[in-house]
């Protein structure tokens, strides 16, 4: 496995080893011992799977309290995945990092607790999988405004009109978000 740091501490891109031939491929997407040896000693309690049409934008979600760390990947289609640092006192507070995740590149993105997270589907039938370090708690879920100019995420929306849920339309700007302690 290859771990690629981003400009934001703790937020990393993971390239798994892929073993393939003309029959297909094999990839080990999670192995506690391997991840721990890479400095990612994680305990997952929940797996999620979403399917999205092209242009669906989900996020930017976070739980407070009970923040979730998320190991995310795409197994069908393509998505632009984004995380925004909401950790109080972080030198990169309010900064974002993004990466294209796809069935083809097989990359994963580790989003630690203390970040808002979201993605836009770039193809119909995009299947997005994520392993979470804490249980989903709808009473403590919040949304950061996906297009907050203070954050300035560069979404690849050429020719797309984002399709948002009601909770994402009502996302708060960064100036109204309580940072993680």
Protein backbone atom coordinates (compact mmCIF):
# COMPACT_ATOMS: atom_id res chain seq x y z
CA UNK A 1 0.00 0.00 0.00
CA UNK A 2 1.12 3.48 -0.79
CA UNK A 3 0.07 6.31 1.55
CA UNK A 4 0.14 9.78 -0.01
CA UNK A 5 -0.14 12.73 2.39
CA UNK A 6 -2.22 15.75 1.44
CA UNK A 7 -1.52 19.35 2.43
CA UNK A 8 -3.75 18.78 5.48
CA UNK A 9 -2.27 16.78 8.35
CA UNK A 10 -3.99 13.44 8.91
CA UNK A 11 -5.89 13.45 5.62
CA UNK A 12 -4.30 10.87 3.31
CA UNK A 13 -4.79 9.15 -0.04
CA UNK A 14 -4.25 5.40 -0.03
CA UNK A 15 -3.27 3.44 -3.10
CA UNK A 16 -3.75 -0.28 -2.46
CA UNK A 17 -1.76 -2.99 -4.20
CA UNK A 18 -3.76 -4.30 -7.13
CA UNK A 19 -3.10 -7.77 -8.48
CA UNK A 20 -4.60 -8.13 -11.92
CA UNK A 21 -4.46 -10.06 -15.14
CA UNK A 22 -6.72 -10.64 -18.13
CA UNK A 23 -9.28 -12.35 -15.84
CA UNK A 24 -9.77 -9.34 -13.56
CA UNK A 25 -8.14 -8.12 -10.35
CA UNK A 26 -7.80 -8.65 -6.61
CA UNK A 27 -7.30 -5.84 -4.08
CA UNK A 28 -7.16 -5.96 -0.30
CA UNK A 29 -9.05 -2.81 0.69
CA UNK A 30 -8.74 -3.19 4.48
CA UNK A 31 -6.33 -5.06 6.70
CA UNK A 32 -5.99 -3.86 10.29
CA UNK A 33 -2.35 -4.96 10.62
CA UNK A 34 -1.25 -3.36 7.35
CA UNK A 35 -3.03 -0.09 8.08
CA UNK A 36 -1.64 -0.01 11.65
CA UNK A 37 1.87 -0.51 10.28
CA UNK A 38 1.25 2.58 8.12
CA UNK A 39 0.25 4.65 11.18
CA UNK A 40 -3.49 4.23 10.67
CA UNK A 41 -4.58 2.17 13.68
CA UNK A 42 -8.32 2.33 13.06
CA UNK A 43 -11.37 0.68 14.58
CA UNK A 44 -14.37 0.60 12.25
CA UNK A 45 -17.92 0.01 13.52
CA UNK A 46 -20.08 0.61 10.45
CA UNK A 47 -19.91 0.17 6.66
CA UNK A 48 -22.05 2.26 4.29
CA UNK A 49 -22.79 2.00 0.58
CA UNK A 50 -24.45 4.71 -1.51
CA UNK A 51 -25.31 4.79 -5.20
CA UNK A 52 -25.63 8.12 -6.98
CA UNK A 53 -26.61 9.40 -10.39
CA UNK A 54 -24.30 11.80 -12.23
CA UNK A 55 -24.43 15.24 -10.59
CA UNK A 56 -25.63 14.11 -7.15
CA UNK A 57 -23.69 16.06 -4.53
CA UNK A 58 -23.75 14.61 -1.01
CA UNK A 59 -22.35 16.72 1.80
CA UNK A 60 -20.52 18.29 3.31
CA UNK A 61 -21.50 16.21 6.35
CA UNK A 62 -20.04 15.91 9.83
CA UNK A 63 -21.19 14.66 13.23
CA UNK A 64 -20.73 16.70 16.35
CA UNK A 65 -20.47 15.27 18.93
CA UNK A 66 -19.44 11.69 18.08
CA UNK A 67 -17.42 12.53 14.95
CA UNK A 68 -16.82 9.80 12.41
CA UNK A 69 -13.58 8.98 10.68
CA UNK A 70 -14.25 7.59 7.20
CA UNK A 71 -12.22 5.40 4.86
CA UNK A 72 -13.90 5.98 1.50
CA UNK A 73 -13.64 4.49 -1.97
CA UNK A 74 -15.59 4.10 -5.21
CA UNK A 75 -16.20 0.62 -6.63
CA UNK A 76 -18.29 1.63 -9.65
CA UNK A 77 -18.18 4.94 -11.52
CA UNK A 78 -16.32 8.10 -10.47
CA UNK A 79 -16.66 10.75 -7.78
CA UNK A 80 -14.86 13.91 -6.71
CA UNK A 81 -14.38 13.48 -2.97
CA UNK A 82 -13.72 16.39 -0.60
CA UNK A 83 -12.83 16.87 3.07
CA UNK A 84 -12.79 20.18 4.95
CA UNK A 85 -10.75 20.62 8.14
CA UNK A 86 -13.00 21.70 11.05
CA UNK A 87 -10.52 21.01 13.88
CA UNK A 88 -10.18 23.90 16.30
CA UNK A 89 -6.65 25.29 16.38
CA UNK A 90 -5.59 23.45 13.23
CA UNK A 91 -3.32 25.53 10.98
CA UNK A 92 -5.45 24.29 8.07
CA UNK A 93 -8.86 25.02 9.65
CA UNK A 94 -11.39 25.72 6.88
CA UNK A 95 -9.08 24.36 4.16
CA UNK A 96 -10.13 21.55 1.87
CA UNK A 97 -8.53 18.74 -0.09
CA UNK A 98 -10.14 16.77 -2.88
CA UNK A 99 -9.39 13.71 -4.97
CA UNK A 100 -11.04 11.79 -7.75
CA UNK A 101 -11.98 8.31 -6.60
CA UNK A 102 -12.98 5.79 -9.23
CA UNK A 103 -13.47 2.12 -9.89
CA UNK A 104 -10.54 2.43 -12.28
CA UNK A 105 -7.96 4.09 -9.97
CA UNK A 106 -9.05 2.09 -6.87
CA UNK A 107 -7.74 4.85 -4.59
CA UNK A 108 -9.07 5.35 -1.06
CA UNK A 109 -9.28 8.51 1.02
CA UNK A 110 -8.87 8.52 4.81
CA UNK A 111 -10.96 11.33 6.33
CA UNK A 112 -10.22 11.52 10.08
CA UNK A 113 -12.74 12.66 12.70
CA UNK A 114 -12.97 16.46 12.76
CA UNK A 115 -13.60 16.95 9.04
CA UNK A 116 -16.67 17.70 6.98
CA UNK A 117 -16.94 15.27 4.08
CA UNK A 118 -18.78 15.15 0.78
CA UNK A 119 -18.61 14.12 -2.85
CA UNK A 120 -20.16 14.71 -6.23
CA UNK A 121 -20.89 11.78 -8.52
CA UNK A 122 -19.28 12.21 -11.94
CA UNK A 123 -21.01 9.22 -13.57
CA UNK A 124 -24.40 7.53 -13.32
CA UNK A 125 -24.40 4.52 -11.03
CA UNK A 126 -21.46 5.61 -8.90
CA UNK A 127 -21.15 3.25 -5.93
CA UNK A 128 -19.44 4.87 -2.96
CA UNK A 129 -18.33 2.76 0.02
CA UNK A 130 -17.20 4.01 3.37
CA UNK A 131 -16.07 2.45 6.61
CA UNK A 132 -16.82 4.57 9.71
CA UNK A 133 -15.12 4.78 13.09
CA UNK A 134 -18.33 5.72 14.92
CA UNK A 135 -22.00 4.96 14.43
CA UNK A 136 -24.24 7.25 12.40
CA UNK A 137 -26.12 9.58 14.74
CA UNK A 138 -28.73 11.59 12.81
CA UNK A 139 -29.45 13.81 15.83
CA UNK A 140 -25.85 15.09 15.70
CA UNK A 141 -25.35 15.26 11.93
CA UNK A 142 -24.68 18.67 10.40
CA UNK A 143 -23.97 20.05 6.94
CA UNK A 144 -21.37 22.60 5.94
CA UNK A 145 -22.49 24.66 2.93
CA UNK A 146 -21.08 22.86 -0.10
CA UNK A 147 -20.44 26.10 -2.01
CA UNK A 148 -19.31 28.39 0.83
CA UNK A 149 -17.06 31.00 -0.83
CA UNK A 150 -14.97 31.21 2.37
CA UNK A 151 -13.98 27.54 1.87
CA UNK A 152 -13.78 27.83 -1.93
CA UNK A 153 -14.01 24.19 -2.99
CA UNK A 154 -13.28 23.74 -6.67
CA UNK A 155 -15.96 21.21 -7.60
CA UNK A 156 -15.60 19.75 -11.14
CA UNK A 157 -19.13 20.69 -12.20
CA UNK A 158 -18.61 21.41 -15.90
CA UNK A 159 -21.98 20.69 -17.47
CA UNK A 160 -23.48 19.54 -14.16
CA UNK A 161 -26.16 21.10 -12.00
CA UNK A 162 -25.65 19.64 -8.52
CA UNK A 163 -28.56 17.62 -7.15
CA UNK A 164 -28.78 18.24 -3.40
CA UNK A 165 -30.85 16.88 -0.53
CA UNK A 166 -32.89 19.31 1.57
CA UNK A 167 -30.38 19.06 4.45
CA UNK A 168 -27.50 19.90 2.10
CA UNK A 169 -29.35 22.88 0.63
CA UNK A 170 -29.65 24.12 4.24
CA UNK A 171 -25.91 23.67 5.01
CA UNK A 172 -24.30 26.32 7.22
CA UNK A 173 -21.43 28.55 6.13
CA UNK A 174 -18.05 27.97 7.78
CA UNK A 175 -18.48 31.15 9.86
CA UNK A 176 -21.45 29.50 11.65
CA UNK A 177 -19.83 26.09 12.24
CA UNK A 178 -18.62 25.17 15.72
CA UNK A 179 -15.08 23.78 15.34
CA UNK A 180 -14.20 20.37 16.76
CA UNK A 181 -12.38 20.66 20.08
